Amino acid sequence: MSEARRIVEVSELGVARGGAVELDKLSFRLDAGETLVVLGDDNSGKDALLRVLGGYAPRGDELSGTVRFAEGAPLPASARTRPGLRVVYLAGAEAAPLNPHASVVSQLTRVVARRHGSPRASAREELRLALERFPGAPAFAELNKMPGEMGVMALSWALLAAAMAQAPDLLIADHAFAELTPRAIRTIVDALVAEQARLGFALLYAARGLRTAARLNSRVLVLRRGKVVEEGPFAKLAGGQSHAYTRTLFKALRTPVEAPPSRSVRGEPLLQVQALDLLGAKEPRARGRDGISFELRRGAALALIGEEGSGRRALVRALLGLDPVAGGRVVLDQVDMSILSAAMTSRLRRRIAFITGADDALDPRMTLWDTVDEPLRAHLRLPREMVAGHRETALKRVGLASHDGRRAVATLSPFDKRRLQVARAIVGAPFLAVIDEPLRGLDAFAQSILIELLESLRRQEGPAFLVITADMSVAQALADDGMVFKDRRVVERGPLRDILKNPKDAETRALIEAAAPGAYKAA
């Protein structure tokens, strides 16, 4: 039996910058056709490793140890020797790797042409062929658009096609699919794995979250503060027989395979919805058949589950009076929303907290303190001393009390911005919290912490939750009941325990399978 072909071997690799150690004596080997997931938070040292292997470590980085590519000799990392094989970098669409003022096809064609030293026309054809090998990818003509005109999924396909067109020996994927829904991740990772089997390249995937790592189901190397915590197959690490830090990371990956315990809330109705029409049906019979009716009790939690465009956000915008609907009735806190003036509707919304995965949800110009103070000063008109007391309590609960309160929101990390949203919700004492993909883009450790903070918010302040998500495991973590959406219709509803245990609709089964890829078997 022949030995596997080495692609890269790292020995005792160290990276320091400005005297701070980013990576400390890291060693591993990666062979052709093999996949290694490097898992850790933003300070784990993953970025330092990618800089070295990608060949763009700046002169300010102090490098030690050796790197060996293919059959070459081990060379000092400090020599910054260019590898004698094709190392291709794959960024995520959310990282905005392309110029927003030039078409996607022109930029990706230039990348492929430079790699092969070939004419643009030939590179463009390579790109077209690579894209067309992916079932479900957009048409090649779509790439004539500017990056901002393409959706995240379409742009992810384009970037992956450009990577494959370069015929990599080593593909370095930098959180490439972190912003995608579980179902989208399943589709694109399956396509990537098929290409890996065809071309035989080695894949090094740097992961903040676990959803892509679960789908890859490969060897995982866990990093923390530049050191290796442990290494092993994904299935073994997910099984719980692992280091305490690894177990913390994996807490964020709840698998809907195991149905959650039944939880019922018997409070008074907070939200009553009758025959709400998201389809614009003209016939009363159709409105009665497809209209959405449900009731949300005080303190209860309902997940609105579905893909982008399925109708989840359209429903919430209609409930809050932000968009008009063709028919139906909404009663919030015993008030019929249809009879309220715009000013009265706005006052009612002050009792609603919004916690979203969008990093622009908060005013970037406001300070950390002002963001928490605003609902207390502007809405509740509390005196300054009471505002400071409530603010400090809320910031302590979310772990932001040690931050300089005069910092602008724009300078905070995505995790800090999510925690700040929770602190703002705590002081506002809302009767309803709308929680929209709260874990999007966060690393696994931050996801675990945020779930705990949201559970604490519901337990202590008692708002009802409306959870918007495409991830069944997020719904399971934060809600009791669920409604599954497709094409602006509800295709299944009920207690999440029953939905997960015995899904009846094909859309529901697809969402569950994407969140719990039959996965956790040994690779």
Protein backbone atom coordinates (compact mmCIF):
# COMPACT_ATOMS: atom_id res chain seq x y z
CA MET A 1 0.00 0.00 0.00
CA SER A 2 1.54 3.32 -1.12
CA GLU A 3 1.96 6.15 1.33
CA ALA A 4 -0.38 9.11 0.98
CA ARG A 5 1.11 12.09 -0.87
CA ARG A 6 2.13 14.83 1.50
CA ILE A 7 0.80 18.31 0.68
CA VAL A 8 2.03 20.24 3.70
CA GLU A 9 3.74 19.41 6.96
CA VAL A 10 4.13 22.00 9.70
CA SER A 11 6.56 21.42 12.58
CA GLU A 12 6.84 23.51 15.76
CA LEU A 13 5.42 26.54 13.93
CA GLY A 14 5.43 29.70 15.99
CA VAL A 15 4.12 33.17 15.09
CA ALA A 16 4.60 36.29 17.18
CA ARG A 17 3.65 39.86 16.41
CA GLY A 18 4.81 42.84 18.42
CA GLY A 19 6.05 40.51 21.15
CA ALA A 20 2.65 38.78 21.50
CA VAL A 21 2.57 35.07 20.70
CA GLU A 22 -0.21 34.24 18.24
CA LEU A 23 0.79 30.64 17.53
CA ASP A 24 2.96 28.39 19.66
CA LYS A 25 4.69 25.24 18.38
CA LEU A 26 1.94 23.97 16.12
CA SER A 27 2.59 20.70 14.25
CA PHE A 28 0.46 18.74 11.80
CA ARG A 29 0.59 17.03 8.41
CA LEU A 30 -2.03 17.24 5.69
CA ASP A 31 -2.08 14.80 2.76
CA ALA A 32 -3.69 14.93 -0.66
CA GLY A 33 -7.44 14.41 -0.51
CA GLU A 34 -7.50 14.98 3.25
CA THR A 35 -9.46 17.62 5.17
CA LEU A 36 -8.38 19.34 8.36
CA VAL A 37 -10.70 21.74 10.20
CA VAL A 38 -8.92 24.26 12.44
CA LEU A 39 -11.46 25.31 15.04
CA GLY A 40 -11.19 28.22 17.45
CA ASP A 41 -12.25 31.77 18.23
CA ASP A 42 -10.83 34.93 16.71
CA ASN A 43 -7.81 34.91 19.06
CA SER A 44 -7.01 31.23 18.70
CA GLY A 45 -4.16 31.63 16.22
CA LYS A 46 -6.02 30.41 13.13
CA ASP A 47 -5.38 33.64 11.27
CA ALA A 48 -1.63 33.43 11.95
CA LEU A 49 -1.57 29.91 10.52
CA LEU A 50 -3.40 31.00 7.37
CA ARG A 51 -0.99 33.89 6.88
CA VAL A 52 1.98 31.52 6.91
CA LEU A 53 0.49 28.83 4.65
CA GLY A 54 -1.03 31.38 2.31
CA GLY A 55 2.35 33.06 1.86
CA TYR A 56 1.29 36.51 3.02
CA ALA A 57 2.79 36.72 6.51
CA PRO A 58 4.07 40.31 6.80
CA ARG A 59 7.68 41.09 7.66
CA GLY A 60 6.54 42.17 11.11
CA ASP A 61 5.56 38.58 11.98
CA GLU A 62 8.29 36.69 13.83
CA LEU A 63 8.20 33.12 12.51
CA SER A 64 9.82 29.97 13.88
CA GLY A 65 9.62 26.26 13.11
CA THR A 66 9.51 24.67 9.67
CA VAL A 67 7.07 24.24 6.81
CA ARG A 68 7.41 21.48 4.23
CA PHE A 69 5.37 21.47 1.02
CA ALA A 70 4.91 18.23 -0.94
CA GLU A 71 8.22 16.39 -1.41
CA GLY A 72 10.38 19.43 -0.76
CA ALA A 73 12.71 19.69 2.22
CA PRO A 74 11.52 21.21 5.50
CA LEU A 75 12.33 24.91 5.34
CA PRO A 76 12.40 27.51 8.09
CA ALA A 77 9.07 29.34 8.22
CA SER A 78 11.03 32.58 8.59
CA ALA A 79 12.38 32.11 5.06
CA ARG A 80 8.87 32.72 3.73
CA THR A 81 9.60 30.43 0.78
CA ARG A 82 6.91 30.26 -1.86
CA PRO A 83 5.47 26.73 -2.09
CA GLY A 84 6.09 24.75 -5.23
CA LEU A 85 2.43 23.80 -5.49
CA ARG A 86 -0.86 25.60 -6.03
CA VAL A 87 -2.17 27.04 -2.76
CA VAL A 88 -5.58 28.64 -3.30
CA TYR A 89 -7.34 30.89 -0.81
CA LEU A 90 -11.14 30.80 -0.53
CA ALA A 91 -12.74 33.66 1.40
CA GLY A 92 -16.34 33.92 2.50
CA ALA A 93 -18.73 36.17 0.62
CA GLU A 94 -19.43 38.17 3.79
CA ALA A 95 -15.77 39.19 3.91
CA ALA A 96 -16.38 41.23 0.75
CA PRO A 97 -13.21 39.99 -1.01
CA LEU A 98 -14.13 41.60 -4.35
CA ASN A 99 -14.09 45.17 -5.59
CA PRO A 100 -17.69 46.44 -5.35
CA HIS A 101 -17.30 48.54 -8.51
CA ALA A 102 -16.30 45.80 -10.96
CA SER A 103 -18.27 42.80 -12.18
CA VAL A 104 -17.78 39.47 -10.46
CA VAL A 105 -16.90 37.70 -13.68
CA SER A 106 -14.18 40.21 -14.63
CA GLN A 107 -12.48 39.94 -11.24
CA LEU A 108 -12.65 36.16 -10.94
CA THR A 109 -11.50 35.70 -14.54
CA ARG A 110 -8.45 37.84 -13.77
CA VAL A 111 -7.65 35.66 -10.72
CA VAL A 112 -7.88 32.42 -12.71
CA ALA A 113 -5.85 33.87 -15.61
CA ARG A 114 -3.10 35.03 -13.27
CA ARG A 115 -2.92 31.61 -11.62
CA HIS A 116 -2.53 29.71 -14.89
CA GLY A 117 -0.73 32.43 -16.84
CA SER A 118 -3.40 31.99 -19.49
CA PRO A 119 -5.37 34.44 -21.70
CA ARG A 120 -8.52 35.97 -20.19
CA ALA A 121 -10.78 34.15 -22.65
CA SER A 122 -9.36 30.79 -21.61
CA ALA A 123 -9.63 31.63 -17.91
CA ARG A 124 -13.22 32.77 -18.37
CA GLU A 125 -14.05 29.41 -19.96
CA GLU A 126 -12.38 27.57 -17.05
CA LEU A 127 -14.50 29.60 -14.66
CA ARG A 128 -17.68 28.85 -16.59
CA LEU A 129 -17.00 25.11 -16.65
CA ALA A 130 -16.23 25.08 -12.92
CA LEU A 131 -19.46 26.89 -12.08
CA GLU A 132 -21.58 24.67 -14.28
CA ARG A 133 -20.32 21.55 -12.50
CA PHE A 134 -22.19 22.66 -9.38
CA PRO A 135 -25.85 21.70 -9.35
CA GLY A 136 -27.82 24.57 -7.89
CA ALA A 137 -25.24 27.22 -8.73
CA PRO A 138 -26.42 30.41 -10.49
CA ALA A 139 -26.21 30.74 -14.23
CA PHE A 140 -22.86 32.01 -15.49
CA ALA A 141 -24.54 35.17 -16.79
CA GLU A 142 -25.30 36.12 -13.17
CA LEU A 143 -21.59 36.75 -12.66
CA ASN A 144 -21.84 39.81 -14.87
CA LYS A 145 -23.36 41.59 -11.87
CA MET A 146 -21.49 43.65 -9.30
CA PRO A 147 -20.75 41.79 -6.02
CA GLY A 148 -23.36 43.83 -4.13
CA GLU A 149 -26.05 42.80 -6.61
CA MET A 150 -25.58 39.09 -5.92
CA GLY A 151 -26.91 37.27 -2.89
CA VAL A 152 -24.55 35.68 -0.37
CA MET A 153 -25.25 32.17 -1.66
CA ALA A 154 -24.77 33.07 -5.33
CA LEU A 155 -21.53 34.88 -4.56
CA SER A 156 -20.33 31.89 -2.50
CA TRP A 157 -20.87 29.66 -5.53
CA ALA A 158 -18.90 32.08 -7.73
CA LEU A 159 -15.96 32.22 -5.32
CA LEU A 160 -15.91 28.43 -4.98
CA ALA A 161 -15.99 28.03 -8.77
CA ALA A 162 -13.01 30.40 -9.10
CA ALA A 163 -11.11 28.36 -6.52
CA MET A 164 -11.82 25.10 -8.36
CA ALA A 165 -10.86 26.66 -11.71
CA GLN A 166 -7.38 27.24 -10.27
CA ALA A 167 -6.95 23.45 -9.76
CA PRO A 168 -5.61 23.72 -6.21
CA ASP A 169 -3.22 21.32 -4.52
CA LEU A 170 -4.06 22.93 -1.17
CA LEU A 171 -7.31 24.84 -0.63
CA ILE A 172 -7.34 27.17 2.37
CA ALA A 173 -10.92 28.12 3.21
CA ASP A 174 -11.22 31.00 5.66
CA HIS A 175 -14.65 30.74 7.33
CA ALA A 176 -15.92 30.52 3.79
CA PHE A 177 -19.51 29.49 4.53
CA ALA A 178 -20.05 30.99 7.99
CA GLU A 179 -22.91 33.29 6.93
CA LEU A 180 -24.96 30.65 5.12
CA THR A 181 -27.98 28.82 6.47
CA PRO A 182 -27.58 25.15 7.46
CA ARG A 183 -29.37 24.05 4.31
CA ALA A 184 -27.17 26.21 2.11
CA ILE A 185 -24.07 24.92 3.92
CA ARG A 186 -25.14 21.35 3.26
CA THR A 187 -25.54 22.05 -0.46
CA ILE A 188 -22.27 23.88 -0.99
CA VAL A 189 -20.15 21.65 1.27
CA ASP A 190 -21.43 18.55 -0.52
CA ALA A 191 -20.38 20.18 -3.80
CA LEU A 192 -16.97 21.04 -2.36
CA VAL A 193 -16.43 17.49 -1.11
CA ALA A 194 -17.37 16.11 -4.53
CA GLU A 195 -14.80 18.41 -6.18
CA GLN A 196 -12.19 17.35 -3.64
CA ALA A 197 -12.80 13.71 -4.55
CA ARG A 198 -12.45 14.58 -8.24
CA LEU A 199 -9.36 16.78 -8.02
CA GLY A 200 -7.67 15.27 -4.96
CA PHE A 201 -6.66 18.52 -3.26
CA ALA A 202 -6.08 18.88 0.47
CA LEU A 203 -8.50 21.15 2.33
CA LEU A 204 -7.66 23.23 5.35
CA TYR A 205 -10.84 24.86 6.65
CA ALA A 206 -10.60 27.56 9.35
CA ALA A 207 -13.88 27.48 11.26
CA ARG A 208 -15.41 29.83 13.78
CA GLY A 209 -18.68 27.92 14.03
CA LEU A 210 -19.43 24.24 13.90
CA ARG A 211 -22.07 23.89 11.20
CA THR A 212 -19.61 23.56 8.31
CA ALA A 213 -17.25 21.44 10.39
CA ALA A 214 -20.12 19.05 11.13
CA ARG A 215 -20.86 18.70 7.43
CA LEU A 216 -17.19 18.13 6.55
CA ASN A 217 -17.05 15.52 9.35
CA SER A 218 -13.27 15.31 9.22
CA ARG A 219 -10.23 15.63 11.47
CA VAL A 220 -10.48 18.68 13.73
CA LEU A 221 -7.69 20.60 15.41
CA VAL A 222 -8.91 22.78 18.31
CA LEU A 223 -6.85 25.91 18.98
CA ARG A 224 -7.01 28.30 21.90
CA ARG A 225 -4.71 31.27 22.44
CA GLY A 226 -2.22 29.90 19.95
CA LYS A 227 -1.96 26.44 21.48
CA VAL A 228 -3.44 23.12 20.46
CA VAL A 229 -6.13 22.05 22.90
CA GLU A 230 -6.70 18.70 21.22
CA GLU A 231 -7.06 17.00 17.86
CA GLY A 232 -9.30 14.20 16.65
CA PRO A 233 -12.21 13.14 14.43
CA PHE A 234 -15.24 15.44 14.57
CA ALA A 235 -17.47 12.61 15.78
CA LYS A 236 -15.22 11.90 18.74
CA LEU A 237 -14.98 15.56 19.80
CA ALA A 238 -18.76 15.99 19.43
CA GLY A 239 -19.35 12.92 21.56
CA GLY A 240 -18.47 14.68 24.81
CA GLN A 241 -15.31 12.72 25.65
CA SER A 242 -13.15 15.76 25.10
CA HIS A 243 -11.40 18.69 26.77
CA ALA A 244 -13.62 21.09 28.75
CA TYR A 245 -12.92 23.93 26.27
CA THR A 246 -13.91 21.71 23.35
CA ARG A 247 -17.11 20.75 25.12
CA THR A 248 -17.92 24.45 25.55
CA LEU A 249 -17.50 24.99 21.83
CA PHE A 250 -19.69 22.06 20.96
CA LYS A 251 -22.51 23.23 23.26
CA ALA A 252 -23.47 25.60 20.44
CA LEU A 253 -24.13 22.65 18.14
CA ARG A 254 -27.37 21.25 19.47
CA THR A 255 -28.58 18.46 17.32
CA PRO A 256 -32.32 18.29 16.69
CA VAL A 257 -31.96 14.53 16.43
CA GLU A 258 -32.73 14.45 20.14
CA ALA A 259 -36.09 16.16 20.66
CA PRO A 260 -36.15 18.78 23.44
CA PRO A 261 -38.28 18.29 26.54
CA SER A 262 -41.86 19.52 26.31
CA ARG A 263 -42.26 23.05 27.69
CA SER A 264 -45.66 24.68 28.00
CA VAL A 265 -46.49 28.24 29.04
CA ARG A 266 -49.94 29.02 30.38
CA GLY A 267 -49.80 32.84 30.56
CA GLU A 268 -52.38 35.20 29.08
CA PRO A 269 -52.28 35.77 25.32
CA LEU A 270 -49.83 38.52 24.36
CA LEU A 271 -50.20 38.24 20.60
CA GLN A 272 -53.24 37.01 18.72
CA VAL A 273 -53.11 36.69 14.94
CA GLN A 274 -56.14 35.82 12.84
CA ALA A 275 -56.07 34.93 9.13
CA LEU A 276 -53.13 37.20 8.33
CA ASP A 277 -52.70 37.21 4.58
CA LEU A 278 -49.10 37.29 3.30
CA LEU A 279 -50.10 36.17 -0.21
CA GLY A 280 -52.47 38.97 -1.18
CA ALA A 281 -55.31 36.51 -1.81
CA LYS A 282 -58.41 38.14 -3.26
CA GLU A 283 -60.87 35.39 -2.42
CA PRO A 284 -62.03 35.11 1.19
CA ARG A 285 -61.94 31.30 0.89
CA ALA A 286 -58.27 31.36 -0.12
CA ARG A 287 -57.53 33.84 2.64
CA GLY A 288 -59.14 31.50 5.15
CA ARG A 289 -57.15 28.54 3.81
CA ASP A 290 -53.72 30.21 3.56
CA GLY A 291 -54.09 32.96 6.14
CA ILE A 292 -51.88 32.62 9.20
CA SER A 293 -53.49 32.34 12.63
CA PHE A 294 -51.76 31.70 15.94
CA GLU A 295 -51.52 32.84 19.52
CA LEU A 296 -48.41 33.66 21.55
CA ARG A 297 -48.78 33.71 25.32
CA ARG A 298 -46.82 35.92 27.68
CA GLY A 299 -43.45 34.37 28.38
CA ALA A 300 -43.81 31.75 25.62
CA ALA A 301 -41.37 31.30 22.73
CA LEU A 302 -42.29 30.60 19.12
CA ALA A 303 -39.76 29.91 16.36
CA LEU A 304 -40.53 31.04 12.80
CA ILE A 305 -38.41 28.61 10.79
CA GLY A 306 -37.56 28.71 7.10
CA GLU A 307 -35.14 29.77 4.42
CA GLU A 308 -34.60 33.33 3.21
CA GLY A 309 -37.72 34.58 1.47
CA SER A 310 -39.97 31.95 3.02
CA GLY A 311 -42.18 34.53 4.74
CA ARG A 312 -40.80 34.59 8.31
CA ARG A 313 -39.67 38.21 8.28
CA ALA A 314 -42.66 39.28 6.20
CA LEU A 315 -44.88 37.92 8.97
CA VAL A 316 -43.01 39.80 11.70
CA ARG A 317 -43.04 43.05 9.74
CA ALA A 318 -46.79 42.64 9.26
CA LEU A 319 -47.31 41.89 12.97
CA LEU A 320 -45.48 45.06 13.96
CA GLY A 321 -47.34 47.23 11.47
CA LEU A 322 -44.22 47.92 9.42
CA ASP A 323 -45.72 46.54 6.20
CA PRO A 324 -49.38 46.56 5.09
CA VAL A 325 -51.12 43.22 4.49
CA ALA A 326 -54.14 42.36 2.36
CA GLY A 327 -56.18 40.99 5.25
CA GLY A 328 -56.23 39.61 8.75
CA ARG A 329 -56.20 40.92 12.29
CA VAL A 330 -53.39 41.38 14.83
CA VAL A 331 -54.03 41.98 18.53
CA LEU A 332 -50.92 42.85 20.55
CA ASP A 333 -51.15 43.34 24.31
CA GLN A 334 -54.97 43.41 23.98
CA VAL A 335 -54.83 46.22 21.42
CA ASP A 336 -56.05 45.82 17.85
CA MET A 337 -53.10 47.08 15.78
CA SER A 338 -55.39 48.19 12.94
CA ILE A 339 -56.97 51.00 14.99
CA LEU A 340 -53.73 52.52 16.23
CA SER A 341 -52.27 55.71 14.84
CA ALA A 342 -48.65 55.72 13.70
CA ALA A 343 -47.60 57.45 16.95
CA MET A 344 -49.45 54.92 19.13
CA THR A 345 -47.96 52.02 17.15
CA SER A 346 -44.49 53.47 17.66
CA ARG A 347 -45.07 53.73 21.43
CA LEU A 348 -46.24 50.12 21.55
CA ARG A 349 -43.09 48.99 19.73
CA ARG A 350 -40.97 50.44 22.53
CA ARG A 351 -42.01 47.42 24.57
CA ILE A 352 -40.46 45.15 21.96
CA ALA A 353 -36.75 44.27 21.97
CA PHE A 354 -34.89 43.41 18.78
CA ILE A 355 -31.82 41.21 18.88
CA THR A 356 -30.43 40.37 15.48
CA GLY A 357 -27.39 38.92 13.78
CA ALA A 358 -27.02 42.06 11.68
CA ASP A 359 -24.00 44.00 12.86
CA ASP A 360 -25.57 47.30 11.77
CA ALA A 361 -28.57 46.88 14.09
CA LEU A 362 -27.13 49.45 16.52
CA ASP A 363 -26.15 53.03 15.78
CA PRO A 364 -22.36 52.80 15.25
CA ARG A 365 -21.86 56.43 16.35
CA MET A 366 -23.37 55.94 19.82
CA THR A 367 -21.25 54.91 22.77
CA LEU A 368 -21.67 51.66 24.63
CA TRP A 369 -23.21 53.47 27.60
CA ASP A 370 -25.57 55.62 25.51
CA THR A 371 -26.86 52.55 23.67
CA VAL A 372 -27.98 50.96 26.93
CA ASP A 373 -29.18 54.24 28.45
CA GLU A 374 -31.39 55.30 25.55
CA PRO A 375 -34.53 53.26 26.39
CA LEU A 376 -34.24 54.28 30.05
CA ARG A 377 -33.84 58.00 29.36
CA ALA A 378 -35.91 58.51 26.23
CA HIS A 379 -38.74 56.06 26.83
CA LEU A 380 -38.98 55.62 30.60
CA ARG A 381 -37.55 59.06 31.53
CA LEU A 382 -35.71 57.74 34.58
CA PRO A 383 -33.38 60.02 36.59
CA ARG A 384 -29.65 59.83 35.82
CA GLU A 385 -28.74 57.89 39.00
CA MET A 386 -31.28 55.15 38.29
CA VAL A 387 -30.17 54.96 34.65
CA ALA A 388 -26.56 54.37 35.70
CA GLY A 389 -27.59 51.65 38.15
CA HIS A 390 -29.72 49.75 35.64
CA ARG A 391 -27.01 50.13 33.00
CA GLU A 392 -24.27 48.72 35.19
CA THR A 393 -26.42 45.77 36.23
CA ALA A 394 -27.26 44.93 32.62
CA LEU A 395 -23.67 45.26 31.43
CA LYS A 396 -22.46 42.98 34.21
CA ARG A 397 -24.97 40.34 33.23
CA VAL A 398 -23.76 40.23 29.64
CA GLY A 399 -20.05 40.53 30.51
CA LEU A 400 -19.44 44.04 29.13
CA ALA A 401 -18.99 45.91 32.42
CA SER A 402 -15.19 45.99 32.07
CA HIS A 403 -15.36 47.72 28.67
CA ASP A 404 -14.82 51.46 28.40
CA GLY A 405 -18.38 52.76 28.21
CA ARG A 406 -17.27 55.71 26.06
CA ARG A 407 -16.25 53.43 23.20
CA ALA A 408 -18.25 53.84 20.02
CA VAL A 409 -20.37 50.88 18.98
CA ALA A 410 -18.50 50.81 15.66
CA THR A 411 -15.33 49.69 17.47
CA LEU A 412 -16.94 46.66 19.12
CA SER A 413 -16.61 43.09 17.87
CA PRO A 414 -19.69 41.33 16.46
CA PHE A 415 -19.96 39.30 19.69
CA ASP A 416 -19.83 42.46 21.82
CA LYS A 417 -22.51 44.06 19.66
CA ARG A 418 -24.82 41.07 20.19
CA ARG A 419 -24.22 41.20 23.94
CA LEU A 420 -24.92 44.92 23.88
CA GLN A 421 -28.26 44.25 22.21
CA VAL A 422 -29.11 41.84 25.05
CA ALA A 423 -28.09 44.45 27.66
CA ARG A 424 -30.34 47.00 25.98
CA ALA A 425 -33.19 44.48 26.04
CA ILE A 426 -32.63 43.80 29.74
CA VAL A 427 -33.05 47.45 30.77
CA GLY A 428 -36.03 47.92 28.47
CA ALA A 429 -38.09 45.19 30.23
CA PRO A 430 -39.84 44.20 26.97
CA PHE A 431 -43.00 42.10 26.80
CA LEU A 432 -41.83 40.71 23.45
CA ALA A 433 -38.36 40.03 22.04
CA VAL A 434 -37.91 39.51 18.30
CA ILE A 435 -34.71 37.48 17.89
CA ASP A 436 -33.49 37.23 14.31
CA GLU A 437 -30.66 34.77 13.54
CA PRO A 438 -28.77 35.82 16.68
CA LEU A 439 -25.81 33.44 16.19
CA ARG A 440 -25.00 34.35 12.60
CA GLY A 441 -21.27 34.79 11.98
CA LEU A 442 -20.19 34.18 15.60
CA ASP A 443 -17.58 31.64 16.65
CA ALA A 444 -18.68 28.54 18.52
CA PHE A 445 -17.65 29.86 21.94
CA ALA A 446 -19.55 33.13 21.43
CA GLN A 447 -22.60 31.19 20.23
CA SER A 448 -22.69 29.16 23.45
CA ILE A 449 -22.45 32.30 25.58
CA LEU A 450 -25.13 34.14 23.61
CA ILE A 451 -27.59 31.26 23.93
CA GLU A 452 -27.08 31.34 27.70
CA LEU A 453 -27.64 35.12 27.77
CA LEU A 454 -30.87 34.82 25.79
CA GLU A 455 -32.10 32.03 28.03
CA SER A 456 -31.33 34.26 31.02
CA LEU A 457 -33.20 37.18 29.44
CA ARG A 458 -36.31 35.08 28.97
CA ARG A 459 -36.08 33.51 32.41
CA GLN A 460 -35.50 36.72 34.38
CA GLU A 461 -37.28 39.46 32.41
CA GLY A 462 -39.99 37.12 31.08
CA PRO A 463 -40.61 38.45 27.55
CA ALA A 464 -42.24 36.26 24.97
CA PHE A 465 -39.83 35.26 22.18
CA LEU A 466 -40.40 35.33 18.43
CA VAL A 467 -37.32 33.58 17.02
CA ILE A 468 -36.60 33.95 13.29
CA THR A 469 -34.18 31.30 12.06
CA ALA A 470 -33.32 28.84 9.33
CA ASP A 471 -31.53 26.64 11.85
CA MET A 472 -33.56 23.99 13.64
CA SER A 473 -30.96 23.76 16.40
CA VAL A 474 -31.36 27.49 17.16
CA ALA A 475 -35.14 27.02 17.26
CA GLN A 476 -34.67 24.08 19.61
CA ALA A 477 -32.40 26.10 21.92
CA LEU A 478 -34.62 29.18 22.20
CA ALA A 479 -38.25 28.20 21.56
CA ASP A 480 -41.00 25.87 22.69
CA ASP A 481 -43.17 25.85 19.57
CA GLY A 482 -42.44 26.26 15.90
CA MET A 483 -44.00 27.22 12.58
CA VAL A 484 -42.21 26.11 9.41
CA PHE A 485 -42.51 28.45 6.40
CA LYS A 486 -42.22 27.90 2.69
CA ASP A 487 -43.35 30.26 -0.08
CA ARG A 488 -44.98 32.59 2.50
CA ARG A 489 -47.17 29.75 3.80
CA VAL A 490 -47.00 27.77 7.04
CA VAL A 491 -46.40 24.15 6.08
CA GLU A 492 -46.11 22.71 9.59
CA ARG A 493 -46.64 23.91 13.16
CA GLY A 494 -46.80 22.65 16.70
CA PRO A 495 -44.60 21.94 19.72
CA LEU A 496 -41.00 21.68 18.57
CA ARG A 497 -40.68 18.39 20.39
CA ASP A 498 -43.35 16.88 18.12
CA ILE A 499 -42.03 18.55 14.96
CA LEU A 500 -38.51 17.24 15.55
CA LYS A 501 -39.68 13.79 16.54
CA ASN A 502 -42.10 13.26 13.70
CA PRO A 503 -41.80 15.87 10.91
CA LYS A 504 -44.63 15.61 8.41
CA ASP A 505 -43.65 18.02 5.66
CA ALA A 506 -40.72 17.59 3.26
CA GLU A 507 -39.58 21.16 3.96
CA THR A 508 -39.40 20.41 7.69
CA ARG A 509 -37.43 17.22 7.11
CA ALA A 510 -34.97 19.06 4.88
CA LEU A 511 -34.39 21.73 7.54
CA ILE A 512 -33.85 19.11 10.24
CA GLU A 513 -31.45 17.10 8.08
CA ALA A 514 -29.44 20.24 7.31
CA ALA A 515 -29.12 21.07 11.01
CA ALA A 516 -28.23 17.51 11.99
CA PRO A 517 -26.28 16.03 9.12
CA GLY A 518 -26.34 12.32 9.71
CA ALA A 519 -23.27 13.50 10.73
CA TYR A 520 -21.95 12.66 13.78
CA LYS A 521 -20.79 9.23 12.75
CA ALA A 522 -17.13 8.59 12.51
CA ALA A 523 -15.61 9.64 9.22
